Amino acid sequence: MTKWLRMSDAEKQIMDIIWATGRPVTTSEIISKLPEDKTWKQSTVLTFLARLMDKNMITATRVGKANHYEPCITEQGYLNIETKQFIKEVHRGSVSGLIRALCDSEDLTKEDMEDLMKRLKAKYDLQ
């Protein structure tokens, strides 16, 4: 696997739009779907798109006068990689360290714990 390059917050906002659209999108479509507080010019969006292409997160296909951008990774795939990287960097690769931290900070709700137990039982065929 090639070296993982993280997305900046701005690049992630662009990717969120691309993922949510579910089909190849143009720069104009991306700009029209930006939150109202984002007043990025077209050149700024194009810069973020170029960075995402450099990171192999998206591809572009020329159709007429416009590029159509589509993801090279699913949103869930990206979240999985980011989560693994977070566990590696922050918890020294220990998943149980992450869970201990969540328990100690009292961020896990009863519903979270029930869901986690259900998933573990289903995934590993536990009784």
Protein backbone atom coordinates (compact mmCIF):
# COMPACT_ATOMS: atom_id res chain seq x y z
CA MET A 1 0.00 0.00 0.00
CA THR A 2 1.26 3.48 -0.77
CA LYS A 3 1.95 5.91 2.03
CA TRP A 4 -1.24 7.28 3.51
CA LEU A 5 -1.67 11.00 3.04
CA ARG A 6 -4.26 12.60 5.28
CA MET A 7 -6.85 14.97 3.96
CA SER A 8 -6.99 18.48 5.34
CA ASP A 9 -10.30 19.66 6.81
CA ALA A 10 -11.02 21.60 3.62
CA GLU A 11 -10.24 18.60 1.41
CA LYS A 12 -12.49 16.47 3.62
CA GLN A 13 -15.35 18.94 3.07
CA ILE A 14 -14.90 18.55 -0.68
CA MET A 15 -14.79 14.74 -0.34
CA ASP A 16 -17.95 14.76 1.79
CA ILE A 17 -19.76 16.46 -1.09
CA ILE A 18 -18.37 14.00 -3.63
CA TRP A 19 -19.31 11.00 -1.46
CA ALA A 20 -22.79 12.36 -0.72
CA THR A 21 -23.54 12.98 -4.38
CA GLY A 22 -22.94 9.34 -5.26
CA ARG A 23 -21.94 10.04 -8.87
CA PRO A 24 -19.20 11.97 -10.67
CA VAL A 25 -19.51 15.70 -9.98
CA THR A 26 -18.22 18.88 -11.58
CA THR A 27 -16.49 21.78 -9.88
CA SER A 28 -19.65 23.88 -10.33
CA GLU A 29 -21.74 21.25 -8.56
CA ILE A 30 -19.26 21.09 -5.69
CA ILE A 31 -19.29 24.88 -5.30
CA SER A 32 -23.10 24.95 -5.33
CA LYS A 33 -23.21 22.36 -2.51
CA LEU A 34 -20.75 24.10 -0.21
CA PRO A 35 -22.17 25.44 3.05
CA GLU A 36 -23.15 29.11 2.90
CA ASP A 37 -20.28 30.09 5.21
CA LYS A 38 -17.77 28.74 2.65
CA THR A 39 -17.04 31.48 0.15
CA TRP A 40 -14.30 29.63 -1.70
CA LYS A 41 -13.60 30.81 -5.21
CA GLN A 42 -13.46 28.32 -8.05
CA SER A 43 -9.65 28.49 -8.04
CA THR A 44 -9.60 27.46 -4.37
CA VAL A 45 -11.87 24.47 -5.00
CA LEU A 46 -9.72 23.48 -8.00
CA THR A 47 -6.63 23.59 -5.76
CA PHE A 48 -8.29 21.24 -3.25
CA LEU A 49 -9.38 18.92 -6.07
CA ALA A 50 -5.81 18.85 -7.44
CA ARG A 51 -4.49 17.96 -3.99
CA LEU A 52 -7.06 15.17 -3.66
CA MET A 53 -5.99 13.81 -7.04
CA ASP A 54 -2.33 13.96 -5.96
CA LYS A 55 -3.29 11.92 -2.90
CA ASN A 56 -5.13 9.39 -5.11
CA MET A 57 -8.42 10.12 -3.35
CA ILE A 58 -10.27 11.11 -6.54
CA THR A 59 -10.01 10.77 -10.29
CA ALA A 60 -11.12 13.20 -12.95
CA THR A 61 -12.66 12.43 -16.31
CA ARG A 62 -13.01 15.16 -18.89
CA VAL A 63 -16.53 15.38 -20.33
CA GLY A 64 -16.91 18.26 -22.75
CA LYS A 65 -15.50 21.35 -21.07
CA ALA A 66 -15.80 20.07 -17.50
CA ASN A 67 -13.96 17.59 -15.34
CA HIS A 68 -16.13 15.07 -13.53
CA TYR A 69 -14.65 13.99 -10.21
CA GLU A 70 -15.30 10.70 -8.48
CA PRO A 71 -13.81 9.05 -5.40
CA CYS A 72 -11.15 6.35 -5.49
CA ILE A 73 -12.05 5.34 -1.94
CA THR A 74 -15.40 4.98 -0.21
CA GLU A 75 -16.22 7.09 2.81
CA GLN A 76 -16.26 3.94 4.99
CA GLY A 77 -12.90 2.87 3.57
CA TYR A 78 -11.46 6.27 4.44
CA LEU A 79 -12.90 6.14 7.97
CA ASN A 80 -11.41 2.67 8.48
CA ILE A 81 -7.94 3.84 7.44
CA GLU A 82 -8.16 6.99 9.58
CA THR A 83 -9.32 4.95 12.57
CA LYS A 84 -6.47 2.45 12.21
CA GLN A 85 -3.99 5.32 11.90
CA PHE A 86 -5.45 7.03 14.98
CA ILE A 87 -5.18 3.84 17.02
CA LYS A 88 -1.60 3.33 15.84
CA GLU A 89 -0.50 6.90 16.57
CA VAL A 90 -2.46 7.75 19.71
CA HIS A 91 -2.94 4.38 21.38
CA ARG A 92 0.29 2.70 20.21
CA GLY A 93 -1.72 0.23 18.15
CA SER A 94 -3.86 -0.93 21.06
CA VAL A 95 -7.57 -1.20 20.34
CA SER A 96 -8.19 -2.05 23.98
CA GLY A 97 -6.32 1.16 24.88
CA LEU A 98 -8.82 3.10 22.77
CA ILE A 99 -11.76 1.36 24.42
CA ARG A 100 -10.28 1.94 27.91
CA ALA A 101 -9.91 5.64 27.08
CA LEU A 102 -13.54 5.81 25.93
CA CYS A 103 -14.72 4.06 29.09
CA ASP A 104 -12.56 6.23 31.35
CA SER A 105 -13.83 9.42 29.71
CA GLU A 106 -17.41 8.18 30.07
CA ASP A 107 -18.06 8.85 26.38
CA LEU A 108 -19.53 5.39 25.79
CA THR A 109 -23.28 5.30 26.28
CA LYS A 110 -25.20 2.19 27.24
CA GLU A 111 -26.47 2.05 23.63
CA ASP A 112 -22.89 2.28 22.32
CA MET A 113 -21.82 -0.60 24.56
CA GLU A 114 -24.80 -2.74 23.53
CA ASP A 115 -24.08 -2.06 19.86
CA LEU A 116 -20.40 -2.89 20.32
CA MET A 117 -21.22 -6.14 22.09
CA LYS A 118 -23.73 -7.09 19.39
CA ARG A 119 -21.18 -6.40 16.65
CA LEU A 120 -18.43 -8.35 18.40
CA LYS A 121 -20.73 -11.33 18.95
CA ALA A 122 -21.85 -11.31 15.31
CA LYS A 123 -18.37 -10.78 13.88
CA TYR A 124 -16.63 -13.43 15.97
CA ASP A 125 -19.59 -15.80 16.45
CA LEU A 126 -19.49 -15.37 20.23
CA GLN A 127 -22.30 -16.72 22.39
